[in-house]
Amino acid sequence: MYDTDMVSANFEDLLLTITKHGEYWRARVEEIDDPDSALTDGTDYASPDRAKRGAMTIALDLFGTSVPEEELQWRSTPMDR
């Protein structure tokens, strides 16, 4: 598990983010430097690994970008509280 409630990874011009909400994780994808482009599938994932795969699916289905899992470097992301 992570020490933070949010982790993210960059791929090309996309920012993939997973965030913990209670006991579940949510995935979101946006174009870098354009938070208004953010899209999510609204799914509650039981684990961070499933949420990561969900983010890769969002990138493909909604942004048309195939994201190779092995190229992503997930990092803790500070959250505004």
C-alpha atoms as a PDB file:
ATOM      1  CA  MET A   1       0.000   0.000   0.000  1.00  0.00           C
ATOM      2  CA  TYR A   2       1.061   3.594  -0.411  1.00  0.00           C
ATOM      3  CA  ASP A   3       1.869   6.185   2.250  1.00  0.00           C
ATOM      4  CA  THR A   4      -0.181   8.720   0.342  1.00  0.00           C
ATOM      5  CA  ASP A   5      -3.750   8.925  -0.844  1.00  0.00           C
ATOM      6  CA  MET A   6      -2.738   9.772  -4.426  1.00  0.00           C
ATOM      7  CA  VAL A   7      -0.198   8.482  -6.948  1.00  0.00           C
ATOM      8  CA  SER A   8       0.326   9.592 -10.526  1.00  0.00           C
ATOM      9  CA  ALA A   9       2.319   8.833 -13.644  1.00  0.00           C
ATOM     10  CA  ASN A  10       3.001  10.709 -16.870  1.00  0.00           C
ATOM     11  CA  PHE A  11       2.868   9.177 -20.317  1.00  0.00           C
ATOM     12  CA  GLU A  12       3.397  11.347 -23.373  1.00  0.00           C
ATOM     13  CA  ASP A  13       0.960  14.255 -22.907  1.00  0.00           C
ATOM     14  CA  LEU A  14      -1.236  12.498 -20.311  1.00  0.00           C
ATOM     15  CA  LEU A  15      -1.268  12.517 -16.519  1.00  0.00           C
ATOM     16  CA  LEU A  16      -2.737   9.341 -15.018  1.00  0.00           C
ATOM     17  CA  THR A  17      -3.792   9.606 -11.367  1.00  0.00           C
ATOM     18  CA  ILE A  18      -5.268   7.224  -8.843  1.00  0.00           C
ATOM     19  CA  THR A  19      -6.732   8.552  -5.607  1.00  0.00           C
ATOM     20  CA  LYS A  20      -7.938   6.758  -2.499  1.00  0.00           C
ATOM     21  CA  HIS A  21     -11.550   7.478  -1.505  1.00  0.00           C
ATOM     22  CA  GLY A  22     -12.397   5.670   1.722  1.00  0.00           C
ATOM     23  CA  GLU A  23     -11.642   2.007   1.135  1.00  0.00           C
ATOM     24  CA  TYR A  24     -11.578   2.300  -2.649  1.00  0.00           C
ATOM     25  CA  TRP A  25      -9.408   3.833  -5.351  1.00  0.00           C
ATOM     26  CA  ARG A  26     -10.498   5.940  -8.318  1.00  0.00           C
ATOM     27  CA  ALA A  27      -8.700   6.499 -11.622  1.00  0.00           C
ATOM     28  CA  ARG A  28      -8.517   9.727 -13.592  1.00  0.00           C
ATOM     29  CA  VAL A  29      -6.686  10.822 -16.743  1.00  0.00           C
ATOM     30  CA  GLU A  30      -6.079  14.329 -18.041  1.00  0.00           C
ATOM     31  CA  GLU A  31      -3.900  16.120 -20.525  1.00  0.00           C
ATOM     32  CA  ILE A  32      -0.837  17.558 -18.781  1.00  0.00           C
ATOM     33  CA  ASP A  33      -1.390  21.220 -17.854  1.00  0.00           C
ATOM     34  CA  ASP A  34      -5.115  21.007 -18.678  1.00  0.00           C
ATOM     35  CA  PRO A  35      -7.125  19.926 -15.614  1.00  0.00           C
ATOM     36  CA  ASP A  36     -10.339  20.763 -17.490  1.00  0.00           C
ATOM     37  CA  SER A  37      -9.655  17.744 -19.736  1.00  0.00           C
ATOM     38  CA  ALA A  38      -9.838  15.298 -16.791  1.00  0.00           C
ATOM     39  CA  LEU A  39     -11.929  12.181 -17.343  1.00  0.00           C
ATOM     40  CA  THR A  40     -12.813   9.340 -15.002  1.00  0.00           C
ATOM     41  CA  ASP A  41     -14.922   6.228 -15.355  1.00  0.00           C
ATOM     42  CA  GLY A  42     -16.413   6.678 -11.868  1.00  0.00           C
ATOM     43  CA  THR A  43     -15.493   3.117 -10.887  1.00  0.00           C
ATOM     44  CA  ASP A  44     -14.520   2.240  -7.299  1.00  0.00           C
ATOM     45  CA  TYR A  45     -11.495  -0.051  -7.548  1.00  0.00           C
ATOM     46  CA  ALA A  46     -10.649  -2.390  -4.656  1.00  0.00           C
ATOM     47  CA  SER A  47      -6.876  -1.994  -5.030  1.00  0.00           C
ATOM     48  CA  PRO A  48      -4.374   0.518  -6.382  1.00  0.00           C
ATOM     49  CA  ASP A  49      -3.225  -1.974  -9.020  1.00  0.00           C
ATOM     50  CA  ARG A  50      -6.755  -2.292 -10.401  1.00  0.00           C
ATOM     51  CA  ALA A  51      -7.127   1.489 -10.399  1.00  0.00           C
ATOM     52  CA  LYS A  52      -3.859   1.798 -12.359  1.00  0.00           C
ATOM     53  CA  ARG A  53      -5.202  -0.594 -14.976  1.00  0.00           C
ATOM     54  CA  GLY A  54      -8.419   1.427 -14.981  1.00  0.00           C
ATOM     55  CA  ALA A  55      -6.430   4.605 -15.690  1.00  0.00           C
ATOM     56  CA  MET A  56      -4.703   2.881 -18.611  1.00  0.00           C
ATOM     57  CA  THR A  57      -8.127   1.837 -19.951  1.00  0.00           C
ATOM     58  CA  ILE A  58      -9.428   5.411 -19.653  1.00  0.00           C
ATOM     59  CA  ALA A  59      -6.356   6.642 -21.549  1.00  0.00           C
ATOM     60  CA  LEU A  60      -7.075   4.197 -24.370  1.00  0.00           C
ATOM     61  CA  ASP A  61     -10.869   4.406 -24.498  1.00  0.00           C
ATOM     62  CA  LEU A  62     -11.312   8.138 -23.968  1.00  0.00           C
ATOM     63  CA  PHE A  63      -8.022   9.674 -25.133  1.00  0.00           C
ATOM     64  CA  GLY A  64      -7.046   7.108 -27.783  1.00  0.00           C
ATOM     65  CA  THR A  65      -3.615   6.535 -26.220  1.00  0.00           C
ATOM     66  CA  SER A  66      -2.337   3.034 -25.538  1.00  0.00           C
ATOM     67  CA  VAL A  67      -0.245   3.224 -22.355  1.00  0.00           C
ATOM     68  CA  PRO A  68       2.267   0.394 -21.815  1.00  0.00           C
ATOM     69  CA  GLU A  69       2.205  -0.541 -18.122  1.00  0.00           C
ATOM     70  CA  GLU A  70       5.952  -1.177 -18.032  1.00  0.00           C
ATOM     71  CA  GLU A  71       6.689   2.422 -19.097  1.00  0.00           C
ATOM     72  CA  LEU A  72       4.777   4.051 -16.241  1.00  0.00           C
ATOM     73  CA  GLN A  73       6.618   5.274 -13.168  1.00  0.00           C
ATOM     74  CA  TRP A  74       4.013   5.843 -10.464  1.00  0.00           C
ATOM     75  CA  ARG A  75       4.961   8.425  -7.826  1.00  0.00           C
ATOM     76  CA  SER A  76       3.349   9.719  -4.654  1.00  0.00           C
ATOM     77  CA  THR A  77       1.535  12.963  -5.299  1.00  0.00           C
ATOM     78  CA  PRO A  78       0.865  15.526  -2.565  1.00  0.00           C
ATOM     79  CA  MET A  79      -2.808  16.319  -2.090  1.00  0.00           C
ATOM     80  CA  ASP A  80      -4.265  19.699  -1.176  1.00  0.00           C
ATOM     81  CA  ARG A  81      -6.118  19.232   2.099  1.00  0.00           C
END
